[in-house]
Amino acid sequence: MSYQPHFEVRKNTAPMDILFVHGNLASKYWWYPVLDLLENQFKTMGATSGSMYVGELRGCGRSPMPESKEIRVNDIVDDFISYTETNHFQNVLLVGHSAGGLISALLLARRPDLFKGALLVDPVGTKGLVNVPPDIADRYKLMENSREMASQIVSATVYNNNPEAELFKTRIMDDVMNSLKSAGVQLVHALMGQDYSSEVATIQQPLKVFYGVHDWVLEKSNALSYKELVSNCQLEELPNNGHCMNYEDPQRMAKEVVSFYKEHFACDH
């Protein structure tokens, strides 16, 4: 039987099909605050002919590890393409965060017939992960063995985070710990030593990239790499955000999704 990742679908909640792609060690819960806001806003607009769906990367959330126990970027991209085709989603808007931002860009490049535009939040750059500490595997093992340490590190990626917030403390951190045990550092390794610049340069669909000024996880050059390669790309700095605008400021994230839809796709629906 072929590999089956987990997807959560909120049917008839958006004016077009929208796919949300999370980052490393994350899960669908990082999108929940945004999804709830968008569902209410689109309902108010009377625009609910499409669906919002969230995919979980291999070894993250409710998605199991593959039988090979190996994680490869191309396999993840294929997972999203296969699910989108099988479930007859079409003309999809992508919203990707961190590693999910790069994955979203690859989806745009490889299947422009399916994916029509994207918003990328603090994405991994077009040359993958660079300047990764040589002891990254040891650091991940320390987090795997200490929920307290893992919580401190993950919390630090969220600007002005409250680590005692119920969603973060329970569901988000539960999934982080499960991902550390199942996938570990594999996605980091899979993103190292890669260069997707030539593919990303073929993107013609509209693209908007956000970079949080207080992001210490990824350097600004990651976000800039898209602006340099994609002609139809906007880049916006977020002075009050870190690595995770989708979680730090879901109101702003929801507003950006609605604005992007109105600017580029409203006349088609």
Foldseek 3Di string as FASTA:
>chain_A
DDFAFDKDKDAQQALAEEEEEEDPLWFPLLQVVLSVVSSVVRVVVVRRNGMYMYTDFELFDPGHHDPVLADALVVRLVNVVVVCVVVVGAQYEYEYAACRQLSLLLNLLPCVRGYFEYEYFLYQAQQFDPPDDPCQLVVLVVCLVDLVVVLVVVQLQWPPGDCPPPSNVPVGSVRSNSSCVRNNCRVNVNRPRGHRLVSSLNRAHAYEYEAEPAEPPDDPVRRVSNVVRYVRYHYDYDDRTYRRCSNNPSVVVSVVVVVVCVVPPPVVD
